[in-house]
PDB file of N, CA and C in Angstrom:
ATOM      1  N   MET A   1       0.690  -0.982  -0.145  1.00  0.00           N
ATOM      2  CA  MET A   1      -0.033  -0.034   0.113  1.00  0.00           C
ATOM      3  C   MET A   1       1.000   1.169   0.039  1.00  0.00           C
ATOM      4  N   VAL A   2       0.712   2.278  -0.793  1.00  0.00           N
ATOM      5  CA  VAL A   2       1.436   3.621  -0.807  1.00  0.00           C
ATOM      6  C   VAL A   2       0.051   4.206  -0.869  1.00  0.00           C
ATOM      7  N   ILE A   3       0.594   5.164   0.642  1.00  0.00           N
ATOM      8  CA  ILE A   3      -0.078   6.390   1.322  1.00  0.00           C
ATOM      9  C   ILE A   3       0.270   7.570   0.480  1.00  0.00           C
ATOM     10  N   LYS A   4      -0.660   8.457  -0.320  1.00  0.00           N
ATOM     11  CA  LYS A   4      -0.083   9.389  -1.019  1.00  0.00           C
ATOM     12  C   LYS A   4      -0.805  10.603  -0.640  1.00  0.00           C
ATOM     13  N   GLY A   5      -1.236  10.752   0.602  1.00  0.00           N
ATOM     14  CA  GLY A   5      -1.805  12.259   1.393  1.00  0.00           C
ATOM     15  C   GLY A   5      -3.014  11.561   1.981  1.00  0.00           C
ATOM     16  N   TYR A   6      -3.905  12.505   2.227  1.00  0.00           N
ATOM     17  CA  TYR A   6      -4.950  11.940   3.725  1.00  0.00           C
ATOM     18  C   TYR A   6      -5.888  11.789   3.160  1.00  0.00           C
ATOM     19  N   ASN A   7      -6.333  11.955   2.100  1.00  0.00           N
ATOM     20  CA  ASN A   7      -7.460  10.797   1.076  1.00  0.00           C
ATOM     21  C   ASN A   7      -6.866  10.051  -0.217  1.00  0.00           C
ATOM     22  N   SER A   8      -5.426   9.785  -0.240  1.00  0.00           N
ATOM     23  CA  SER A   8      -5.273   9.318  -1.441  1.00  0.00           C
ATOM     24  C   SER A   8      -4.221   7.890  -1.073  1.00  0.00           C
ATOM     25  N   TYR A   9      -4.416   6.917  -1.651  1.00  0.00           N
ATOM     26  CA  TYR A   9      -3.709   5.437  -1.702  1.00  0.00           C
ATOM     27  C   TYR A   9      -3.805   4.707  -2.709  1.00  0.00           C
ATOM     28  N   ALA A  10      -2.733   3.833  -2.836  1.00  0.00           N
ATOM     29  CA  ALA A  10      -2.618   2.816  -3.968  1.00  0.00           C
ATOM     30  C   ALA A  10      -2.675   1.365  -3.517  1.00  0.00           C
ATOM     31  N   THR A  11      -2.674   0.223  -3.985  1.00  0.00           N
ATOM     32  CA  THR A  11      -2.144  -0.990  -3.447  1.00  0.00           C
ATOM     33  C   THR A  11      -1.822  -1.870  -4.913  1.00  0.00           C
ATOM     34  N   PHE A  12      -0.747  -2.496  -4.023  1.00  0.00           N
ATOM     35  CA  PHE A  12      -0.578  -3.501  -5.084  1.00  0.00           C
ATOM     36  C   PHE A  12      -0.319  -4.844  -4.550  1.00  0.00           C
ATOM     37  N   MET A  13      -1.122  -5.534  -5.773  1.00  0.00           N
ATOM     38  CA  MET A  13      -1.463  -7.297  -5.066  1.00  0.00           C
ATOM     39  C   MET A  13      -0.270  -8.061  -5.773  1.00  0.00           C
ATOM     40  N   GLY A  14      -0.171  -9.141  -4.956  1.00  0.00           N
ATOM     41  CA  GLY A  14       0.566 -10.345  -5.049  1.00  0.00           C
ATOM     42  C   GLY A  14       2.238 -10.199  -5.617  1.00  0.00           C
ATOM     43  N   GLN A  15       3.146 -10.812  -6.072  1.00  0.00           N
ATOM     44  CA  GLN A  15       4.468 -11.055  -6.596  1.00  0.00           C
ATOM     45  C   GLN A  15       4.617 -10.176  -7.912  1.00  0.00           C
ATOM     46  N   LYS A  16       3.319  -9.959  -8.402  1.00  0.00           N
ATOM     47  CA  LYS A  16       3.298  -9.431  -9.462  1.00  0.00           C
ATOM     48  C   LYS A  16       3.201  -7.890  -9.170  1.00  0.00           C
ATOM     49  N   ARG A  17       2.631  -7.414  -8.129  1.00  0.00           N
ATOM     50  CA  ARG A  17       1.930  -6.125  -7.807  1.00  0.00           C
ATOM     51  C   ARG A  17       1.544  -5.361  -8.734  1.00  0.00           C
ATOM     52  N   GLU A  18       0.353  -6.305  -8.998  1.00  0.00           N
ATOM     53  CA  GLU A  18      -0.490  -5.614 -10.019  1.00  0.00           C
ATOM     54  C   GLU A  18      -1.832  -4.782  -9.421  1.00  0.00           C
ATOM     55  N   PRO A  19      -1.904  -3.820  -9.739  1.00  0.00           N
ATOM     56  CA  PRO A  19      -2.522  -2.454  -9.057  1.00  0.00           C
ATOM     57  C   PRO A  19      -4.094  -3.003  -8.544  1.00  0.00           C
ATOM     58  N   GLY A  20      -4.549  -2.941  -7.405  1.00  0.00           N
ATOM     59  CA  GLY A  20      -5.267  -3.347  -6.531  1.00  0.00           C
ATOM     60  C   GLY A  20      -6.314  -1.988  -6.083  1.00  0.00           C
ATOM     61  N   PRO A  21      -7.044  -2.222  -4.939  1.00  0.00           N
ATOM     62  CA  PRO A  21      -7.734  -1.451  -4.655  1.00  0.00           C
ATOM     63  C   PRO A  21      -6.808   0.448  -4.293  1.00  0.00           C
ATOM     64  N   ALA A  22      -7.695   1.398  -4.692  1.00  0.00           N
ATOM     65  CA  ALA A  22      -7.221   2.928  -4.613  1.00  0.00           C
ATOM     66  C   ALA A  22      -8.415   3.659  -4.615  1.00  0.00           C
ATOM     67  N   LYS A  23      -7.630   4.707  -4.046  1.00  0.00           N
ATOM     68  CA  LYS A  23      -8.654   5.912  -3.710  1.00  0.00           C
ATOM     69  C   LYS A  23      -7.646   6.635  -4.076  1.00  0.00           C
ATOM     70  N   SER A  24      -8.410   8.380  -4.940  1.00  0.00           N
ATOM     71  CA  SER A  24      -7.837   9.544  -5.046  1.00  0.00           C
ATOM     72  C   SER A  24      -8.534  10.575  -5.047  1.00  0.00           C
ATOM     73  N   ASP A  25      -8.931  11.157  -3.546  1.00  0.00           N
ATOM     74  CA  ASP A  25      -9.635  12.245  -3.673  1.00  0.00           C
ATOM     75  C   ASP A  25      -9.082  13.590  -3.254  1.00  0.00           C
ATOM     76  N   LYS A  26      -9.850  14.490  -3.449  1.00  0.00           N
ATOM     77  CA  LYS A  26      -9.218  15.889  -2.612  1.00  0.00           C
ATOM     78  C   LYS A  26      -9.203  15.863  -1.154  1.00  0.00           C
ATOM     79  N   GLY A  27      -8.520  16.246  -0.544  1.00  0.00           N
ATOM     80  CA  GLY A  27      -7.780  15.977   0.605  1.00  0.00           C
ATOM     81  C   GLY A  27      -8.505  16.577   1.492  1.00  0.00           C
ATOM     82  N   GLU A  28      -8.761  16.149   2.921  1.00  0.00           N
ATOM     83  CA  GLU A  28      -9.611  17.321   3.713  1.00  0.00           C
ATOM     84  C   GLU A  28      -8.787  18.317   3.764  1.00  0.00           C
ATOM     85  N   LEU A  29      -7.995  18.619   3.896  1.00  0.00           N
ATOM     86  CA  LEU A  29      -7.442  19.905   4.276  1.00  0.00           C
ATOM     87  C   LEU A  29      -7.371  20.962   2.887  1.00  0.00           C
ATOM     88  N   GLU A  30      -7.208  20.382   1.529  1.00  0.00           N
ATOM     89  CA  GLU A  30      -7.487  21.096   0.659  1.00  0.00           C
ATOM     90  C   GLU A  30      -9.303  21.448   0.530  1.00  0.00           C
ATOM     91  N   LEU A  31     -10.060  20.525   1.371  1.00  0.00           N
ATOM     92  CA  LEU A  31     -11.728  21.148   0.907  1.00  0.00           C
ATOM     93  C   LEU A  31     -11.770  22.246   2.614  1.00  0.00           C
ATOM     94  N   HIS A  32     -11.220  21.816   3.160  1.00  0.00           N
ATOM     95  CA  HIS A  32     -11.147  22.643   4.261  1.00  0.00           C
ATOM     96  C   HIS A  32     -10.621  24.133   4.096  1.00  0.00           C
ATOM     97  N   PHE A  33      -9.870  24.304   3.297  1.00  0.00           N
ATOM     98  CA  PHE A  33      -8.797  25.590   2.458  1.00  0.00           C
ATOM     99  C   PHE A  33      -9.789  26.392   1.846  1.00  0.00           C
ATOM    100  N   ALA A  34     -10.347  25.432   0.809  1.00  0.00           N
ATOM    101  CA  ALA A  34     -11.068  26.008  -0.306  1.00  0.00           C
ATOM    102  C   ALA A  34     -12.705  26.814   0.715  1.00  0.00           C
ATOM    103  N   ASN A  35     -13.059  25.798   1.464  1.00  0.00           N
ATOM    104  CA  ASN A  35     -14.457  26.493   2.209  1.00  0.00           C
ATOM    105  C   ASN A  35     -13.819  28.080   2.772  1.00  0.00           C
ATOM    106  N   TRP A  36     -12.827  27.977   3.620  1.00  0.00           N
ATOM    107  CA  TRP A  36     -12.334  29.140   4.222  1.00  0.00           C
ATOM    108  C   TRP A  36     -12.138  29.926   3.263  1.00  0.00           C
ATOM    109  N   ILE A  37     -11.656  29.791   1.926  1.00  0.00           N
ATOM    110  CA  ILE A  37     -11.678  30.974   0.868  1.00  0.00           C
ATOM    111  C   ILE A  37     -12.749  31.323   0.620  1.00  0.00           C
ATOM    112  N   GLU A  38     -13.664  30.477   0.349  1.00  0.00           N
ATOM    113  CA  GLU A  38     -15.159  30.800  -0.127  1.00  0.00           C
ATOM    114  C   GLU A  38     -15.926  32.020   1.005  1.00  0.00           C
ATOM    115  N   ALA A  39     -16.001  31.587   2.141  1.00  0.00           N
ATOM    116  CA  ALA A  39     -16.130  32.296   3.228  1.00  0.00           C
ATOM    117  C   ALA A  39     -15.419  33.885   3.516  1.00  0.00           C
ATOM    118  N   VAL A  40     -14.164  33.638   3.263  1.00  0.00           N
ATOM    119  CA  VAL A  40     -13.729  35.182   3.602  1.00  0.00           C
ATOM    120  C   VAL A  40     -13.944  36.095   2.184  1.00  0.00           C
ATOM    121  N   ARG A  41     -13.933  35.198   0.594  1.00  0.00           N
ATOM    122  CA  ARG A  41     -14.618  35.878  -0.255  1.00  0.00           C
ATOM    123  C   ARG A  41     -16.026  36.458   0.004  1.00  0.00           C
ATOM    124  N   SER A  42     -16.746  35.390   0.326  1.00  0.00           N
ATOM    125  CA  SER A  42     -18.731  36.196   0.435  1.00  0.00           C
ATOM    126  C   SER A  42     -18.684  36.994   1.657  1.00  0.00           C
ATOM    127  N   ARG A  43     -17.393  37.386   2.752  1.00  0.00           N
ATOM    128  CA  ARG A  43     -17.632  37.559   3.641  1.00  0.00           C
ATOM    129  C   ARG A  43     -18.947  37.110   4.514  1.00  0.00           C
ATOM    130  N   ASP A  44     -19.109  35.609   4.726  1.00  0.00           N
ATOM    131  CA  ASP A  44     -20.349  35.298   5.010  1.00  0.00           C
ATOM    132  C   ASP A  44     -19.704  33.838   6.049  1.00  0.00           C
ATOM    133  N   ALA A  45     -19.822  34.518   7.501  1.00  0.00           N
ATOM    134  CA  ALA A  45     -19.014  33.256   8.182  1.00  0.00           C
ATOM    135  C   ALA A  45     -20.205  31.901   8.417  1.00  0.00           C
ATOM    136  N   SER A  46     -21.006  32.059   8.090  1.00  0.00           N
ATOM    137  CA  SER A  46     -21.863  31.156   8.411  1.00  0.00           C
ATOM    138  C   SER A  46     -21.752  29.825   6.991  1.00  0.00           C
ATOM    139  N   LYS A  47     -20.969  30.111   6.436  1.00  0.00           N
ATOM    140  CA  LYS A  47     -20.564  29.517   5.006  1.00  0.00           C
ATOM    141  C   LYS A  47     -19.202  28.438   5.319  1.00  0.00           C
ATOM    142  N   LEU A  48     -18.998  28.910   6.962  1.00  0.00           N
ATOM    143  CA  LEU A  48     -17.653  27.692   7.105  1.00  0.00           C
ATOM    144  C   LEU A  48     -18.224  26.267   7.712  1.00  0.00           C
ATOM    145  N   HIS A  49     -17.268  25.568   7.613  1.00  0.00           N
ATOM    146  CA  HIS A  49     -18.090  23.846   7.717  1.00  0.00           C
ATOM    147  C   HIS A  49     -17.666  23.833   9.408  1.00  0.00           C
ATOM    148  N   GLY A  50     -16.980  24.357  10.116  1.00  0.00           N
ATOM    149  CA  GLY A  50     -16.984  24.564  11.534  1.00  0.00           C
ATOM    150  C   GLY A  50     -16.534  25.915  11.868  1.00  0.00           C
ATOM    151  N   PRO A  51     -16.640  26.032  13.715  1.00  0.00           N
ATOM    152  CA  PRO A  51     -16.278  27.160  14.241  1.00  0.00           C
ATOM    153  C   PRO A  51     -14.672  27.472  13.914  1.00  0.00           C
ATOM    154  N   VAL A  52     -14.529  28.805  13.395  1.00  0.00           N
ATOM    155  CA  VAL A  52     -12.928  29.533  13.418  1.00  0.00           C
ATOM    156  C   VAL A  52     -12.172  29.412  14.617  1.00  0.00           C
ATOM    157  N   GLU A  53     -13.017  29.186  15.768  1.00  0.00           N
ATOM    158  CA  GLU A  53     -12.113  28.733  16.988  1.00  0.00           C
ATOM    159  C   GLU A  53     -11.517  27.359  17.523  1.00  0.00           C
ATOM    160  N   SER A  54     -11.977  26.212  16.449  1.00  0.00           N
ATOM    161  CA  SER A  54     -11.599  24.901  16.015  1.00  0.00           C
ATOM    162  C   SER A  54     -10.205  24.858  15.507  1.00  0.00           C
ATOM    163  N   ALA A  55      -9.904  26.099  14.831  1.00  0.00           N
ATOM    164  CA  ALA A  55      -8.759  26.009  13.671  1.00  0.00           C
ATOM    165  C   ALA A  55      -7.874  26.908  15.056  1.00  0.00           C
ATOM    166  N   HIS A  56      -8.438  27.862  15.743  1.00  0.00           N
ATOM    167  CA  HIS A  56      -7.347  28.342  16.643  1.00  0.00           C
ATOM    168  C   HIS A  56      -7.256  27.366  17.505  1.00  0.00           C
ATOM    169  N   PHE A  57      -7.885  26.725  18.040  1.00  0.00           N
ATOM    170  CA  PHE A  57      -7.270  25.735  19.368  1.00  0.00           C
ATOM    171  C   PHE A  57      -6.393  24.933  18.702  1.00  0.00           C
ATOM    172  N   SER A  58      -6.612  24.145  17.388  1.00  0.00           N
ATOM    173  CA  SER A  58      -5.872  23.177  16.560  1.00  0.00           C
ATOM    174  C   SER A  58      -4.467  23.106  16.421  1.00  0.00           C
ATOM    175  N   SER A  59      -4.051  24.909  16.018  1.00  0.00           N
ATOM    176  CA  SER A  59      -2.895  25.278  15.379  1.00  0.00           C
ATOM    177  C   SER A  59      -2.437  26.019  16.544  1.00  0.00           C
ATOM    178  N   ALA A  60      -2.763  26.397  17.781  1.00  0.00           N
ATOM    179  CA  ALA A  60      -2.340  26.959  19.103  1.00  0.00           C
ATOM    180  C   ALA A  60      -1.630  26.027  19.655  1.00  0.00           C
ATOM    181  N   LEU A  61      -2.274  24.565  19.458  1.00  0.00           N
ATOM    182  CA  LEU A  61      -1.388  23.490  20.539  1.00  0.00           C
ATOM    183  C   LEU A  61      -0.127  23.365  19.664  1.00  0.00           C
ATOM    184  N   ALA A  62      -0.032  23.583  18.313  1.00  0.00           N
ATOM    185  CA  ALA A  62       1.253  23.212  17.502  1.00  0.00           C
ATOM    186  C   ALA A  62       2.285  24.340  17.891  1.00  0.00           C
ATOM    187  N   HIS A  63       1.845  25.542  17.842  1.00  0.00           N
ATOM    188  CA  HIS A  63       2.415  26.632  18.254  1.00  0.00           C
ATOM    189  C   HIS A  63       2.975  26.584  19.780  1.00  0.00           C
ATOM    190  N   LEU A  64       2.106  26.114  20.816  1.00  0.00           N
ATOM    191  CA  LEU A  64       2.712  25.982  22.328  1.00  0.00           C
ATOM    192  C   LEU A  64       3.734  24.904  22.286  1.00  0.00           C
ATOM    193  N   GLY A  65       3.695  23.961  21.628  1.00  0.00           N
ATOM    194  CA  GLY A  65       4.644  22.978  21.535  1.00  0.00           C
ATOM    195  C   GLY A  65       5.744  23.407  21.022  1.00  0.00           C
ATOM    196  N   ASN A  66       5.696  24.243  20.071  1.00  0.00           N
ATOM    197  CA  ASN A  66       7.209  24.246  19.336  1.00  0.00           C
ATOM    198  C   ASN A  66       7.722  25.853  20.579  1.00  0.00           C
ATOM    199  N   ILE A  67       6.896  26.479  20.826  1.00  0.00           N
ATOM    200  CA  ILE A  67       7.426  27.605  21.832  1.00  0.00           C
ATOM    201  C   ILE A  67       7.752  27.012  23.025  1.00  0.00           C
ATOM    202  N   SER A  68       7.199  25.926  23.373  1.00  0.00           N
ATOM    203  CA  SER A  68       7.829  25.141  25.090  1.00  0.00           C
ATOM    204  C   SER A  68       9.255  24.669  24.692  1.00  0.00           C
ATOM    205  N   PHE A  69       9.429  24.217  23.478  1.00  0.00           N
ATOM    206  CA  PHE A  69      10.677  23.616  23.117  1.00  0.00           C
ATOM    207  C   PHE A  69      12.080  24.476  23.058  1.00  0.00           C
ATOM    208  N   ARG A  70      11.535  25.568  22.811  1.00  0.00           N
ATOM    209  CA  ARG A  70      12.638  26.730  22.316  1.00  0.00           C
ATOM    210  C   ARG A  70      13.546  26.974  23.871  1.00  0.00           C
ATOM    211  N   PRO A  71      12.907  27.674  24.604  1.00  0.00           N
ATOM    212  CA  PRO A  71      13.624  28.352  26.097  1.00  0.00           C
ATOM    213  C   PRO A  71      14.270  27.040  26.410  1.00  0.00           C
ATOM    214  N   GLY A  72      13.869  25.682  26.379  1.00  0.00           N
ATOM    215  CA  GLY A  72      14.154  24.482  27.231  1.00  0.00           C
ATOM    216  C   GLY A  72      13.765  24.722  28.848  1.00  0.00           C
ATOM    217  N   ARG A  73      12.996  24.733  28.795  1.00  0.00           N
ATOM    218  CA  ARG A  73      12.549  24.734  30.424  1.00  0.00           C
ATOM    219  C   ARG A  73      11.088  24.842  30.460  1.00  0.00           C
ATOM    220  N   HIS A  74      10.825  24.155  31.793  1.00  0.00           N
ATOM    221  CA  HIS A  74       8.989  24.226  32.092  1.00  0.00           C
ATOM    222  C   HIS A  74       8.361  25.835  32.248  1.00  0.00           C
ATOM    223  N   LEU A  75       7.385  25.310  31.229  1.00  0.00           N
ATOM    224  CA  LEU A  75       6.363  26.666  30.800  1.00  0.00           C
ATOM    225  C   LEU A  75       5.116  26.147  31.326  1.00  0.00           C
ATOM    226  N   THR A  76       4.455  27.393  32.041  1.00  0.00           N
ATOM    227  CA  THR A  76       2.828  27.374  32.159  1.00  0.00           C
ATOM    228  C   THR A  76       2.064  28.002  31.438  1.00  0.00           C
ATOM    229  N   PHE A  77       0.705  27.439  30.874  1.00  0.00           N
ATOM    230  CA  PHE A  77       0.151  28.355  30.109  1.00  0.00           C
ATOM    231  C   PHE A  77      -1.168  28.503  30.885  1.00  0.00           C
ATOM    232  N   ASP A  78      -1.394  30.121  30.846  1.00  0.00           N
ATOM    233  CA  ASP A  78      -2.500  29.894  31.051  1.00  0.00           C
ATOM    234  C   ASP A  78      -3.989  30.087  29.922  1.00  0.00           C
ATOM    235  N   PRO A  79      -4.766  29.259  29.845  1.00  0.00           N
ATOM    236  CA  PRO A  79      -5.744  28.871  28.364  1.00  0.00           C
ATOM    237  C   PRO A  79      -6.734  30.337  28.516  1.00  0.00           C
ATOM    238  N   LYS A  80      -7.333  31.011  29.976  1.00  0.00           N
ATOM    239  CA  LYS A  80      -8.050  31.943  29.968  1.00  0.00           C
ATOM    240  C   LYS A  80      -7.325  33.050  28.999  1.00  0.00           C
ATOM    241  N   ARG A  81      -6.053  33.908  29.874  1.00  0.00           N
ATOM    242  CA  ARG A  81      -5.797  34.658  29.238  1.00  0.00           C
ATOM    243  C   ARG A  81      -4.848  34.638  27.907  1.00  0.00           C
ATOM    244  N   GLU A  82      -4.683  33.252  27.384  1.00  0.00           N
ATOM    245  CA  GLU A  82      -3.860  33.172  26.731  1.00  0.00           C
ATOM    246  C   GLU A  82      -2.743  33.472  26.445  1.00  0.00           C
ATOM    247  N   LYS A  83      -1.453  33.522  27.588  1.00  0.00           N
ATOM    248  CA  LYS A  83      -0.370  33.739  27.904  1.00  0.00           C
ATOM    249  C   LYS A  83       0.902  33.473  28.606  1.00  0.00           C
ATOM    250  N   PHE A  84       1.508  32.910  28.619  1.00  0.00           N
ATOM    251  CA  PHE A  84       2.459  32.394  29.910  1.00  0.00           C
ATOM    252  C   PHE A  84       1.993  32.920  31.334  1.00  0.00           C
ATOM    253  N   VAL A  85       2.143  32.092  32.356  1.00  0.00           N
ATOM    254  CA  VAL A  85       2.209  32.658  33.890  1.00  0.00           C
ATOM    255  C   VAL A  85       3.553  32.763  34.064  1.00  0.00           C
ATOM    256  N   GLY A  86       3.993  34.476  33.902  1.00  0.00           N
ATOM    257  CA  GLY A  86       5.192  34.885  34.651  1.00  0.00           C
ATOM    258  C   GLY A  86       6.222  34.664  33.658  1.00  0.00           C
ATOM    259  N   ASP A  87       6.191  34.869  32.442  1.00  0.00           N
ATOM    260  CA  ASP A  87       7.626  34.436  31.275  1.00  0.00           C
ATOM    261  C   ASP A  87       7.124  35.456  30.319  1.00  0.00           C
ATOM    262  N   ALA A  88       7.711  36.659  30.549  1.00  0.00           N
ATOM    263  CA  ALA A  88       7.270  37.536  29.447  1.00  0.00           C
ATOM    264  C   ALA A  88       8.380  37.185  28.164  1.00  0.00           C
ATOM    265  N   GLU A  89       9.519  36.194  27.869  1.00  0.00           N
ATOM    266  CA  GLU A  89      10.373  35.801  26.802  1.00  0.00           C
ATOM    267  C   GLU A  89       9.300  34.640  26.412  1.00  0.00           C
ATOM    268  N   ALA A  90       8.193  33.726  27.323  1.00  0.00           N
ATOM    269  CA  ALA A  90       7.747  32.758  25.959  1.00  0.00           C
ATOM    270  C   ALA A  90       6.471  33.928  25.543  1.00  0.00           C
ATOM    271  N   ASP A  91       5.894  34.802  26.350  1.00  0.00           N
ATOM    272  CA  ASP A  91       4.855  35.297  25.618  1.00  0.00           C
ATOM    273  C   ASP A  91       5.371  36.091  24.230  1.00  0.00           C
ATOM    274  N   ALA A  92       6.565  36.493  24.759  1.00  0.00           N
ATOM    275  CA  ALA A  92       7.039  37.121  23.042  1.00  0.00           C
ATOM    276  C   ALA A  92       7.059  36.224  21.732  1.00  0.00           C
ATOM    277  N   MET A  93       6.919  35.076  22.212  1.00  0.00           N
ATOM    278  CA  MET A  93       7.084  34.163  21.159  1.00  0.00           C
ATOM    279  C   MET A  93       5.489  33.899  20.735  1.00  0.00           C
ATOM    280  N   LEU A  94       4.342  34.336  21.425  1.00  0.00           N
ATOM    281  CA  LEU A  94       3.269  34.085  20.581  1.00  0.00           C
ATOM    282  C   LEU A  94       2.529  34.682  19.640  1.00  0.00           C
ATOM    283  N   THR A  95       3.538  35.799  19.443  1.00  0.00           N
ATOM    284  CA  THR A  95       3.346  36.516  18.539  1.00  0.00           C
ATOM    285  C   THR A  95       4.804  37.511  17.762  1.00  0.00           C
ATOM    286  N   ARG A  96       4.623  38.126  16.631  1.00  0.00           N
ATOM    287  CA  ARG A  96       5.974  38.599  16.234  1.00  0.00           C
ATOM    288  C   ARG A  96       5.840  40.005  15.532  1.00  0.00           C
ATOM    289  N   GLN A  97       7.340  40.521  15.293  1.00  0.00           N
ATOM    290  CA  GLN A  97       7.352  42.012  15.123  1.00  0.00           C
ATOM    291  C   GLN A  97       6.492  42.021  13.649  1.00  0.00           C
ATOM    292  N   TYR A  98       5.574  42.795  13.721  1.00  0.00           N
ATOM    293  CA  TYR A  98       4.850  43.034  12.187  1.00  0.00           C
ATOM    294  C   TYR A  98       5.447  44.602  11.671  1.00  0.00           C
ATOM    295  N   ARG A  99       5.582  44.437  10.212  1.00  0.00           N
ATOM    296  CA  ARG A  99       6.043  45.743   9.968  1.00  0.00           C
ATOM    297  C   ARG A  99       4.635  46.231   8.811  1.00  0.00           C
ATOM    298  N   ALA A 100       4.774  47.838   9.362  1.00  0.00           N
ATOM    299  CA  ALA A 100       3.931  48.655   8.675  1.00  0.00           C
ATOM    300  C   ALA A 100       3.345  48.569   7.324  1.00  0.00           C
ATOM    301  N   PRO A 101       2.600  48.340   6.819  1.00  0.00           N
ATOM    302  CA  PRO A 101       1.268  48.655   7.687  1.00  0.00           C
ATOM    303  C   PRO A 101       0.856  47.236   7.883  1.00  0.00           C
ATOM    304  N   PHE A 102       1.483  46.510   7.866  1.00  0.00           N
ATOM    305  CA  PHE A 102       0.564  44.990   8.043  1.00  0.00           C
ATOM    306  C   PHE A 102       0.794  44.577   9.621  1.00  0.00           C
ATOM    307  N   THR A 103       0.115  45.624  10.679  1.00  0.00           N
ATOM    308  CA  THR A 103       0.528  45.388  12.096  1.00  0.00           C
ATOM    309  C   THR A 103      -1.056  44.994  12.063  1.00  0.00           C
ATOM    310  N   VAL A 104      -0.876  43.937  13.474  1.00  0.00           N
ATOM    311  CA  VAL A 104      -2.166  43.793  14.025  1.00  0.00           C
ATOM    312  C   VAL A 104      -2.462  44.592  15.402  1.00  0.00           C
ATOM    313  N   PRO A 105      -4.064  45.578  15.458  1.00  0.00           N
ATOM    314  CA  PRO A 105      -3.940  45.822  16.745  1.00  0.00           C
ATOM    315  C   PRO A 105      -3.949  45.275  17.985  1.00  0.00           C
ATOM    316  N   ALA A 106      -3.520  46.338  19.319  1.00  0.00           N
ATOM    317  CA  ALA A 106      -3.338  45.537  20.289  1.00  0.00           C
ATOM    318  C   ALA A 106      -4.656  44.619  21.205  1.00  0.00           C
ATOM    319  N   LYS A 107      -5.522  45.441  20.661  1.00  0.00           N
ATOM    320  CA  LYS A 107      -6.951  45.373  21.107  1.00  0.00           C
ATOM    321  C   LYS A 107      -8.058  44.821  19.829  1.00  0.00           C
ATOM    322  N   VAL A 108      -8.101  43.662  19.422  1.00  0.00           N
ATOM    323  CA  VAL A 108      -9.334  43.337  18.389  1.00  0.00           C
ATOM    324  C   VAL A 108     -10.174  42.963  18.401  1.00  0.00           C
TER     325      VAL A 108
END
């Protein structure tokens, strides 16, 4: 079996490796991305397949893992404030320095 992505695979059967069952669909990520683009273009959040908070929480988990690895020490994260407890260095890694005019306001 050859896994070619999130929703694609091919199988090869027997000693002659003859083609067997296969599937090749658009991947879940491609479908979610296309849905997100459609909602942005239409300015209609009701078109989204799921709540935007789900994407925030799932990507935040990966970002927090990367941030926790960098300083090489134990970090405590406050999920309600979305900040690290008593660690300005780790908090600084939660965002980046943007260049004008591509800035994010302090209060969104």
